[in-house]
Amino acid sequence: MALHVCSRLTRSCVRVVASRSVILVTRPLTSSCWTHLRCLQHTRVIRYDGAPLLNFSSSSQPSIDVSYEQLKKLLVSRSSVVIDVREPWELREYGNIQGSINVPLGQLNGALQLKPDEFKEKYGGDMPSQSQNIVFTCLAGVRSKSALEAAVSLGYTKVQHFPGGWQEWAERELIQTKE
């Protein structure tokens, strides 16, 4: 079956032919294309550029999901910007991951297009560059996945999300939340 991905996520038009477990990519892959294709973790990606076919497994790409343990290490090392996309009232009500920056999902698209000084003034943290590693988090992983897709559409290439969200974080940290 033919699948056309004219993506707002990759800012380019990539034509792919897909079967159940193989994708044939007929245009050169940019890093943002690879970011998009990382979602297909157990699918073989075959690039065809007129030369002999080359096999690339998207599973060799870094995962877009970050585990609790990985997130803790990233926070300690300060090697990633962690953005919590919940609403401010949720952080006041339930708590937040120490070291994260709160940018509500509804404001994320505009926030990532601000000037760095405007971002810092509005959100209280340094704005990530388009090549910096960003980890999105929310309550349970749904909004953080949407945030990841929005960031990719704006040209951010090293984006991940914590699918367990605040719920897993609070459970693992033994934080008592209001119910």
N, C-alpha and C. Protein backbone atom coordinates (compact mmCIF):
# COMPACT_ATOMS: atom_id res chain seq x y z
N MET A 1 0.85 -1.17 0.00
CA MET A 1 0.00 0.00 0.00
C MET A 1 0.89 1.22 0.00
N ALA A 2 0.50 2.24 -0.71
CA ALA A 2 1.29 3.47 -0.77
C ALA A 2 0.85 4.42 0.34
N LEU A 3 1.81 5.03 0.94
CA LEU A 3 1.53 5.97 2.02
C LEU A 3 2.33 7.23 1.74
N HIS A 4 1.65 8.34 1.67
CA HIS A 4 2.32 9.61 1.44
C HIS A 4 2.35 10.37 2.76
N VAL A 5 3.54 10.74 3.16
CA VAL A 5 3.66 11.51 4.39
C VAL A 5 4.10 12.91 3.99
N CYS A 6 3.15 13.81 3.82
CA CYS A 6 3.47 15.20 3.57
C CYS A 6 3.35 15.86 4.91
N SER A 7 4.42 15.95 5.59
CA SER A 7 4.25 16.14 6.99
C SER A 7 4.55 17.52 7.47
N ARG A 8 3.68 17.98 8.30
CA ARG A 8 3.96 19.18 9.03
C ARG A 8 4.99 18.87 10.09
N LEU A 9 5.17 17.57 10.38
CA LEU A 9 6.14 17.17 11.39
C LEU A 9 7.55 17.24 10.85
N THR A 10 7.75 16.98 9.58
CA THR A 10 9.10 16.94 9.04
C THR A 10 9.41 18.11 8.13
N ARG A 11 8.43 18.94 7.83
CA ARG A 11 8.60 20.10 6.95
C ARG A 11 9.10 19.70 5.56
N SER A 12 8.89 18.51 5.18
CA SER A 12 9.25 18.09 3.83
C SER A 12 8.26 17.03 3.41
N CYS A 13 8.24 16.80 2.13
CA CYS A 13 7.32 15.79 1.63
C CYS A 13 8.12 14.53 1.35
N VAL A 14 7.83 13.51 2.07
CA VAL A 14 8.52 12.23 1.92
C VAL A 14 7.52 11.23 1.37
N ARG A 15 7.89 10.57 0.32
CA ARG A 15 7.00 9.55 -0.24
C ARG A 15 7.53 8.20 0.19
N VAL A 16 6.68 7.45 0.81
CA VAL A 16 7.09 6.13 1.26
C VAL A 16 6.11 5.10 0.76
N VAL A 17 6.61 3.91 0.51
CA VAL A 17 5.77 2.79 0.16
C VAL A 17 5.84 1.84 1.35
N ALA A 18 4.71 1.53 1.92
CA ALA A 18 4.71 0.75 3.16
C ALA A 18 4.05 -0.60 2.97
N SER A 19 4.67 -1.60 3.54
CA SER A 19 4.02 -2.89 3.70
C SER A 19 3.91 -3.09 5.20
N ARG A 20 3.62 -4.28 5.63
CA ARG A 20 3.42 -4.49 7.06
C ARG A 20 4.65 -4.22 7.89
N SER A 21 5.84 -4.52 7.39
CA SER A 21 7.02 -4.35 8.23
C SER A 21 8.18 -3.66 7.53
N VAL A 22 7.97 -3.14 6.33
CA VAL A 22 9.04 -2.49 5.59
C VAL A 22 8.53 -1.17 5.04
N ILE A 23 9.37 -0.14 5.10
CA ILE A 23 9.04 1.14 4.48
C ILE A 23 10.16 1.47 3.51
N LEU A 24 9.80 1.77 2.28
CA LEU A 24 10.76 2.17 1.27
C LEU A 24 10.68 3.69 1.18
N VAL A 25 11.77 4.36 1.47
CA VAL A 25 11.80 5.83 1.43
C VAL A 25 12.49 6.22 0.15
N THR A 26 11.83 7.04 -0.67
CA THR A 26 12.36 7.36 -1.98
C THR A 26 13.03 8.73 -2.05
N ARG A 27 13.14 9.41 -0.94
CA ARG A 27 13.84 10.69 -0.90
C ARG A 27 14.86 10.64 0.23
N PRO A 28 15.91 11.49 0.16
CA PRO A 28 16.90 11.50 1.24
C PRO A 28 16.23 11.83 2.58
N LEU A 29 16.71 11.19 3.62
CA LEU A 29 16.16 11.41 4.95
C LEU A 29 16.92 12.51 5.67
N THR A 30 16.20 13.51 6.13
CA THR A 30 16.80 14.51 6.98
C THR A 30 16.72 14.02 8.41
N SER A 31 17.39 14.72 9.31
CA SER A 31 17.32 14.29 10.71
C SER A 31 15.89 14.39 11.24
N SER A 32 15.12 15.37 10.75
CA SER A 32 13.74 15.47 11.23
C SER A 32 12.89 14.32 10.68
N CYS A 33 13.22 13.83 9.48
CA CYS A 33 12.52 12.66 8.96
C CYS A 33 12.80 11.45 9.84
N TRP A 34 14.06 11.29 10.24
CA TRP A 34 14.39 10.16 11.12
C TRP A 34 13.66 10.28 12.43
N THR A 35 13.55 11.51 12.95
CA THR A 35 12.81 11.71 14.20
C THR A 35 11.39 11.20 14.04
N HIS A 36 10.76 11.52 12.90
CA HIS A 36 9.40 11.08 12.65
C HIS A 36 9.33 9.55 12.50
N LEU A 37 10.30 8.96 11.80
CA LEU A 37 10.28 7.53 11.56
C LEU A 37 10.67 6.71 12.79
N ARG A 38 11.25 7.36 13.82
CA ARG A 38 11.61 6.63 15.04
C ARG A 38 10.39 6.01 15.70
N CYS A 39 9.23 6.57 15.43
CA CYS A 39 7.99 6.03 16.01
C CYS A 39 7.74 4.60 15.53
N LEU A 40 8.33 4.22 14.43
CA LEU A 40 8.10 2.90 13.84
C LEU A 40 9.21 1.96 14.28
N GLN A 41 9.37 1.76 15.56
CA GLN A 41 10.54 1.12 16.13
C GLN A 41 10.85 -0.27 15.59
N HIS A 42 9.90 -1.06 15.24
CA HIS A 42 10.19 -2.42 14.79
C HIS A 42 9.94 -2.58 13.30
N THR A 43 10.06 -1.49 12.57
CA THR A 43 9.85 -1.52 11.14
C THR A 43 11.18 -1.27 10.45
N ARG A 44 11.49 -2.05 9.42
CA ARG A 44 12.70 -1.81 8.64
C ARG A 44 12.45 -0.66 7.70
N VAL A 45 13.42 0.25 7.63
CA VAL A 45 13.34 1.38 6.71
C VAL A 45 14.40 1.16 5.66
N ILE A 46 13.99 1.16 4.40
CA ILE A 46 14.92 0.97 3.29
C ILE A 46 14.93 2.24 2.47
N ARG A 47 16.11 2.84 2.35
CA ARG A 47 16.25 4.08 1.60
C ARG A 47 16.62 3.74 0.16
N TYR A 48 15.90 4.32 -0.78
CA TYR A 48 16.23 4.12 -2.18
C TYR A 48 16.52 5.48 -2.80
N ASP A 49 17.77 5.68 -3.20
CA ASP A 49 18.16 6.95 -3.80
C ASP A 49 18.76 6.74 -5.18
N GLY A 50 18.40 5.65 -5.81
CA GLY A 50 18.92 5.34 -7.13
C GLY A 50 20.13 4.43 -7.08
N ALA A 51 20.79 4.39 -5.93
CA ALA A 51 21.94 3.51 -5.74
C ALA A 51 21.42 2.18 -5.20
N PRO A 52 22.30 1.22 -4.95
CA PRO A 52 21.83 -0.03 -4.36
C PRO A 52 21.08 0.24 -3.05
N LEU A 53 20.10 -0.59 -2.78
CA LEU A 53 19.30 -0.39 -1.58
C LEU A 53 20.13 -0.58 -0.33
N LEU A 54 19.93 0.31 0.64
CA LEU A 54 20.61 0.23 1.92
C LEU A 54 19.56 -0.02 3.00
N ASN A 55 19.83 -0.91 3.91
CA ASN A 55 18.89 -1.19 5.00
C ASN A 55 19.23 -0.36 6.22
N PHE A 56 18.21 0.25 6.76
CA PHE A 56 18.34 0.97 8.01
C PHE A 56 17.23 0.51 8.92
N SER A 57 17.54 0.15 10.11
CA SER A 57 16.50 -0.23 11.07
C SER A 57 16.22 0.97 11.94
N SER A 58 14.97 1.39 11.98
CA SER A 58 14.65 2.53 12.82
C SER A 58 14.83 2.20 14.29
N SER A 59 14.93 0.92 14.64
CA SER A 59 15.15 0.57 16.04
C SER A 59 16.56 0.94 16.49
N SER A 60 17.47 1.23 15.54
CA SER A 60 18.81 1.66 15.92
C SER A 60 18.81 3.14 16.31
N GLN A 61 17.75 3.83 16.01
CA GLN A 61 17.63 5.23 16.41
C GLN A 61 17.25 5.29 17.88
N PRO A 62 17.64 6.38 18.56
CA PRO A 62 17.26 6.51 19.96
C PRO A 62 15.74 6.49 20.10
N SER A 63 15.27 5.92 21.18
CA SER A 63 13.82 5.84 21.42
C SER A 63 13.28 7.22 21.74
N ILE A 64 12.03 7.46 21.35
CA ILE A 64 11.40 8.72 21.72
C ILE A 64 10.88 8.67 23.15
N ASP A 65 10.79 7.48 23.73
CA ASP A 65 10.32 7.33 25.10
C ASP A 65 11.50 7.34 26.06
N VAL A 66 11.32 8.02 27.18
CA VAL A 66 12.32 8.08 28.23
C VAL A 66 11.74 7.39 29.46
N SER A 67 12.50 6.49 30.06
CA SER A 67 12.04 5.81 31.27
C SER A 67 12.25 6.72 32.48
N TYR A 68 11.66 6.31 33.59
CA TYR A 68 11.83 7.04 34.85
C TYR A 68 13.32 7.15 35.21
N GLU A 69 14.04 6.05 35.11
CA GLU A 69 15.46 6.04 35.45
C GLU A 69 16.26 6.96 34.53
N GLN A 70 15.96 6.92 33.23
CA GLN A 70 16.65 7.78 32.28
C GLN A 70 16.36 9.25 32.58
N LEU A 71 15.11 9.57 32.90
CA LEU A 71 14.74 10.95 33.20
C LEU A 71 15.48 11.45 34.44
N LYS A 72 15.58 10.62 35.46
CA LYS A 72 16.33 11.01 36.66
C LYS A 72 17.78 11.35 36.31
N LYS A 73 18.41 10.51 35.48
CA LYS A 73 19.80 10.75 35.08
C LYS A 73 19.93 12.04 34.27
N LEU A 74 18.98 12.28 33.37
CA LEU A 74 19.01 13.50 32.56
C LEU A 74 18.86 14.74 33.43
N LEU A 75 18.01 14.67 34.45
CA LEU A 75 17.82 15.81 35.35
C LEU A 75 19.08 16.07 36.17
N VAL A 76 19.71 15.01 36.67
CA VAL A 76 20.93 15.17 37.47
C VAL A 76 22.06 15.75 36.62
N SER A 77 22.21 15.23 35.42
CA SER A 77 23.30 15.68 34.54
C SER A 77 22.99 17.00 33.84
N ARG A 78 21.76 17.43 33.90
CA ARG A 78 21.30 18.66 33.23
C ARG A 78 21.62 18.63 31.73
N SER A 79 21.57 17.43 31.15
CA SER A 79 21.88 17.28 29.73
C SER A 79 20.66 17.42 28.84
N SER A 80 19.50 17.62 29.42
CA SER A 80 18.26 17.82 28.67
C SER A 80 17.43 18.90 29.32
N VAL A 81 16.60 19.52 28.52
CA VAL A 81 15.62 20.46 29.04
C VAL A 81 14.33 19.65 29.21
N VAL A 82 13.79 19.63 30.41
CA VAL A 82 12.55 18.91 30.69
C VAL A 82 11.42 19.93 30.74
N ILE A 83 10.44 19.73 29.87
CA ILE A 83 9.30 20.65 29.78
C ILE A 83 8.03 19.91 30.16
N ASP A 84 7.36 20.40 31.19
CA ASP A 84 6.09 19.85 31.66
C ASP A 84 4.98 20.63 30.98
N VAL A 85 4.14 19.94 30.21
CA VAL A 85 3.12 20.63 29.42
C VAL A 85 1.74 20.64 30.08
N ARG A 86 1.69 20.33 31.38
CA ARG A 86 0.41 20.42 32.10
C ARG A 86 0.07 21.88 32.36
N GLU A 87 -1.17 22.10 32.73
CA GLU A 87 -1.63 23.44 33.09
C GLU A 87 -1.06 23.83 34.46
N PRO A 88 -0.84 25.12 34.70
CA PRO A 88 -0.28 25.56 35.99
C PRO A 88 -1.08 25.08 37.20
N TRP A 89 -2.41 25.03 37.09
CA TRP A 89 -3.20 24.57 38.23
C TRP A 89 -2.90 23.11 38.58
N GLU A 90 -2.55 22.31 37.56
CA GLU A 90 -2.21 20.90 37.82
C GLU A 90 -0.91 20.80 38.63
N LEU A 91 0.04 21.66 38.34
CA LEU A 91 1.29 21.65 39.09
C LEU A 91 1.06 22.10 40.53
N ARG A 92 0.21 23.13 40.71
CA ARG A 92 -0.11 23.58 42.06
C ARG A 92 -0.87 22.51 42.83
N GLU A 93 -1.77 21.81 42.16
CA GLU A 93 -2.62 20.81 42.82
C GLU A 93 -1.85 19.51 43.14
N TYR A 94 -1.04 19.05 42.20
CA TYR A 94 -0.42 17.74 42.34
C TYR A 94 1.09 17.77 42.56
N GLY A 95 1.76 18.79 42.08
CA GLY A 95 3.21 18.87 42.20
C GLY A 95 3.88 18.83 40.85
N ASN A 96 5.21 18.99 40.87
CA ASN A 96 5.94 18.99 39.61
C ASN A 96 7.27 18.27 39.76
N ILE A 97 7.85 17.94 38.63
CA ILE A 97 9.16 17.31 38.61
C ILE A 97 10.19 18.43 38.78
N GLN A 98 10.96 18.34 39.87
CA GLN A 98 11.95 19.38 40.16
C GLN A 98 12.92 19.51 39.00
N GLY A 99 13.13 20.73 38.54
CA GLY A 99 14.04 20.97 37.42
C GLY A 99 13.35 21.10 36.08
N SER A 100 12.03 20.87 36.05
CA SER A 100 11.30 21.00 34.79
C SER A 100 10.79 22.43 34.62
N ILE A 101 10.50 22.78 33.38
CA ILE A 101 9.94 24.09 33.04
C ILE A 101 8.49 23.86 32.64
N ASN A 102 7.58 24.65 33.20
CA ASN A 102 6.16 24.49 32.85
C ASN A 102 5.81 25.37 31.65
N VAL A 103 5.45 24.72 30.55
CA VAL A 103 4.94 25.40 29.35
C VAL A 103 3.68 24.64 28.97
N PRO A 104 2.49 25.17 29.30
CA PRO A 104 1.25 24.45 28.97
C PRO A 104 1.17 24.11 27.48
N LEU A 105 0.62 22.95 27.19
CA LEU A 105 0.55 22.47 25.82
C LEU A 105 -0.06 23.49 24.87
N GLY A 106 -1.10 24.18 25.30
CA GLY A 106 -1.75 25.18 24.46
C GLY A 106 -0.86 26.36 24.10
N GLN A 107 0.21 26.56 24.86
CA GLN A 107 1.14 27.68 24.61
C GLN A 107 2.45 27.22 23.97
N LEU A 108 2.63 25.92 23.84
CA LEU A 108 3.93 25.37 23.44
C LEU A 108 4.36 25.85 22.06
N ASN A 109 3.50 25.80 21.09
CA ASN A 109 3.85 26.20 19.72
C ASN A 109 4.40 27.62 19.71
N GLY A 110 3.70 28.53 20.35
CA GLY A 110 4.15 29.93 20.41
C GLY A 110 5.40 30.08 21.25
N ALA A 111 5.48 29.34 22.35
CA ALA A 111 6.62 29.45 23.26
C ALA A 111 7.92 29.06 22.58
N LEU A 112 7.88 28.01 21.78
CA LEU A 112 9.10 27.54 21.12
C LEU A 112 9.52 28.44 19.96
N GLN A 113 8.73 29.48 19.68
CA GLN A 113 9.08 30.43 18.64
C GLN A 113 9.45 31.79 19.21
N LEU A 114 9.44 31.90 20.55
CA LEU A 114 9.82 33.15 21.20
C LEU A 114 11.33 33.36 21.10
N LYS A 115 11.75 34.59 21.38
CA LYS A 115 13.17 34.87 21.54
C LYS A 115 13.57 34.29 22.90
N PRO A 116 14.83 33.84 23.03
CA PRO A 116 15.26 33.21 24.29
C PRO A 116 15.00 34.05 25.54
N ASP A 117 15.21 35.36 25.47
CA ASP A 117 14.98 36.19 26.65
C ASP A 117 13.49 36.29 26.98
N GLU A 118 12.63 36.31 25.96
CA GLU A 118 11.18 36.32 26.19
C GLU A 118 10.72 35.01 26.81
N PHE A 119 11.27 33.90 26.31
CA PHE A 119 10.93 32.58 26.85
C PHE A 119 11.30 32.51 28.33
N LYS A 120 12.53 32.94 28.65
CA LYS A 120 13.00 32.89 30.03
C LYS A 120 12.14 33.75 30.95
N GLU A 121 11.77 34.93 30.48
CA GLU A 121 10.93 35.82 31.28
C GLU A 121 9.54 35.23 31.53
N LYS A 122 8.96 34.62 30.50
CA LYS A 122 7.61 34.09 30.62
C LYS A 122 7.54 32.76 31.34
N TYR A 123 8.52 31.88 31.13
CA TYR A 123 8.44 30.52 31.66
C TYR A 123 9.48 30.19 32.74
N GLY A 124 10.40 31.11 33.01
CA GLY A 124 11.32 30.94 34.11
C GLY A 124 12.44 29.94 33.89
N GLY A 125 12.74 29.63 32.67
CA GLY A 125 13.83 28.71 32.36
C GLY A 125 14.43 29.05 31.01
N ASP A 126 15.60 28.49 30.75
CA ASP A 126 16.25 28.75 29.47
C ASP A 126 15.53 28.04 28.33
N MET A 127 15.37 28.76 27.24
CA MET A 127 14.72 28.19 26.06
C MET A 127 15.67 27.19 25.40
N PRO A 128 15.17 26.01 25.08
CA PRO A 128 16.03 25.03 24.40
C PRO A 128 16.29 25.44 22.96
N SER A 129 17.50 25.11 22.48
CA SER A 129 17.80 25.34 21.06
C SER A 129 17.20 24.19 20.26
N GLN A 130 17.14 24.35 18.95
CA GLN A 130 16.54 23.31 18.12
C GLN A 130 17.37 22.03 18.08
N SER A 131 18.64 22.11 18.47
CA SER A 131 19.48 20.91 18.48
C SER A 131 19.68 20.34 19.88
N GLN A 132 19.11 20.99 20.88
CA GLN A 132 19.26 20.54 22.27
C GLN A 132 18.25 19.43 22.57
N ASN A 133 18.65 18.50 23.45
CA ASN A 133 17.74 17.41 23.81
C ASN A 133 16.63 17.95 24.71
N ILE A 134 15.38 17.65 24.35
CA ILE A 134 14.22 18.08 25.11
C ILE A 134 13.40 16.85 25.48
N VAL A 135 12.96 16.80 26.72
CA VAL A 135 12.07 15.73 27.17
C VAL A 135 10.78 16.38 27.63
N PHE A 136 9.67 15.97 27.05
CA PHE A 136 8.36 16.49 27.43
C PHE A 136 7.71 15.54 28.41
N THR A 137 6.98 16.09 29.36
CA THR A 137 6.23 15.30 30.32
C THR A 137 4.89 15.96 30.58
N CYS A 138 3.94 15.17 31.08
CA CYS A 138 2.62 15.69 31.42
C CYS A 138 2.09 14.84 32.57
N LEU A 139 0.80 14.59 32.61
CA LEU A 139 0.23 13.77 33.67
C LEU A 139 0.41 12.28 33.39
N ALA A 140 0.09 11.85 32.17
CA ALA A 140 0.12 10.42 31.87
C ALA A 140 0.68 10.09 30.49
N GLY A 141 1.34 11.02 29.83
CA GLY A 141 1.99 10.72 28.56
C GLY A 141 1.25 11.08 27.30
N VAL A 142 0.01 11.51 27.40
CA VAL A 142 -0.76 11.83 26.20
C VAL A 142 -0.37 13.20 25.65
N ARG A 143 -0.43 14.22 26.51
CA ARG A 143 -0.08 15.57 26.06
C ARG A 143 1.41 15.69 25.72
N SER A 144 2.26 14.95 26.43
CA SER A 144 3.69 15.04 26.13
C SER A 144 4.00 14.50 24.74
N LYS A 145 3.26 13.50 24.30
CA LYS A 145 3.42 12.97 22.94
C LYS A 145 3.00 14.02 21.92
N SER A 146 1.91 14.74 22.19
CA SER A 146 1.48 15.84 21.31
C SER A 146 2.52 16.95 21.28
N ALA A 147 3.11 17.24 22.43
CA ALA A 147 4.14 18.27 22.51
C ALA A 147 5.36 17.88 21.67
N LEU A 148 5.73 16.62 21.74
CA LEU A 148 6.85 16.10 20.95
C LEU A 148 6.58 16.35 19.46
N GLU A 149 5.39 16.01 19.01
CA GLU A 149 5.04 16.20 17.60
C GLU A 149 5.06 17.67 17.21
N ALA A 150 4.59 18.54 18.11
CA ALA A 150 4.60 19.98 17.83
C ALA A 150 6.03 20.50 17.71
N ALA A 151 6.91 20.04 18.59
CA ALA A 151 8.31 20.47 18.55
C ALA A 151 8.99 20.01 17.27
N VAL A 152 8.74 18.78 16.86
CA VAL A 152 9.31 18.27 15.61
C VAL A 152 8.84 19.12 14.43
N SER A 153 7.57 19.52 14.45
CA SER A 153 7.04 20.34 13.34
C SER A 153 7.71 21.71 13.28
N LEU A 154 8.30 22.14 14.39
CA LEU A 154 9.00 23.43 14.43
C LEU A 154 10.49 23.28 14.18
N GLY A 155 10.94 22.07 13.87
CA GLY A 155 12.34 21.87 13.52
C GLY A 155 13.22 21.35 14.65
N TYR A 156 12.65 21.05 15.80
CA TYR A 156 13.44 20.47 16.89
C TYR A 156 13.72 19.01 16.55
N THR A 157 14.97 18.61 16.70
CA THR A 157 15.37 17.28 16.24
C THR A 157 15.63 16.27 17.34
N LYS A 158 15.94 16.70 18.55
CA LYS A 158 16.26 15.77 19.64
C LYS A 158 15.17 15.86 20.70
N VAL A 159 14.02 15.32 20.38
CA VAL A 159 12.89 15.40 21.29
C VAL A 159 12.46 14.01 21.75
N GLN A 160 12.09 13.94 23.01
CA GLN A 160 11.62 12.69 23.60
C GLN A 160 10.49 13.03 24.56
N HIS A 161 9.83 11.99 25.07
CA HIS A 161 8.82 12.24 26.10
C HIS A 161 8.85 11.14 27.13
N PHE A 162 8.36 11.50 28.32
CA PHE A 162 8.28 10.57 29.44
C PHE A 162 6.84 10.08 29.51
N PRO A 163 6.56 8.89 28.96
CA PRO A 163 5.18 8.42 28.86
C PRO A 163 4.50 8.16 30.20
N GLY A 164 5.27 7.92 31.24
CA GLY A 164 4.67 7.68 32.56
C GLY A 164 4.15 8.95 33.20
N GLY A 165 4.70 10.08 32.80
CA GLY A 165 4.25 11.37 33.29
C GLY A 165 4.32 11.53 34.79
N TRP A 166 3.59 12.54 35.27
CA TRP A 166 3.57 12.84 36.70
C TRP A 166 3.08 11.65 37.52
N GLN A 167 2.14 10.89 36.97
CA GLN A 167 1.60 9.76 37.73
C GLN A 167 2.70 8.77 38.09
N GLU A 168 3.52 8.38 37.13
CA GLU A 168 4.61 7.45 37.42
C GLU A 168 5.67 8.10 38.29
N TRP A 169 5.99 9.36 38.01
CA TRP A 169 7.00 10.06 38.79
C TRP A 169 6.60 10.11 40.27
N ALA A 170 5.37 10.51 40.54
CA ALA A 170 4.89 10.62 41.92
C ALA A 170 4.89 9.25 42.61
N GLU A 171 4.47 8.23 41.88
CA GLU A 171 4.45 6.88 42.43
C GLU A 171 5.87 6.41 42.78
N ARG A 172 6.80 6.62 41.87
CA ARG A 172 8.18 6.18 42.09
C ARG A 172 8.89 7.00 43.16
N GLU A 173 8.54 8.26 43.26
CA GLU A 173 9.14 9.15 44.25
C GLU A 173 8.39 9.09 45.57
N LEU A 174 7.32 8.32 45.61
CA LEU A 174 6.46 8.19 46.80
C LEU A 174 5.92 9.53 47.27
N ILE A 175 5.48 10.33 46.30
CA ILE A 175 4.90 11.62 46.61
C ILE A 175 3.41 11.45 46.78
N GLN A 176 2.88 11.97 47.85
CA GLN A 176 1.44 11.91 48.11
C GLN A 176 0.76 13.03 47.34
N THR A 177 -0.15 12.69 46.44
CA THR A 177 -0.89 13.71 45.70
C THR A 177 -2.32 13.74 46.20
N LYS A 178 -2.94 14.90 46.02
CA LYS A 178 -4.35 15.03 46.42
C LYS A 178 -5.21 14.22 45.48
N GLU A 179 -6.20 13.55 45.99
CA GLU A 179 -7.08 12.73 45.14
C GLU A 179 -8.50 13.20 45.27
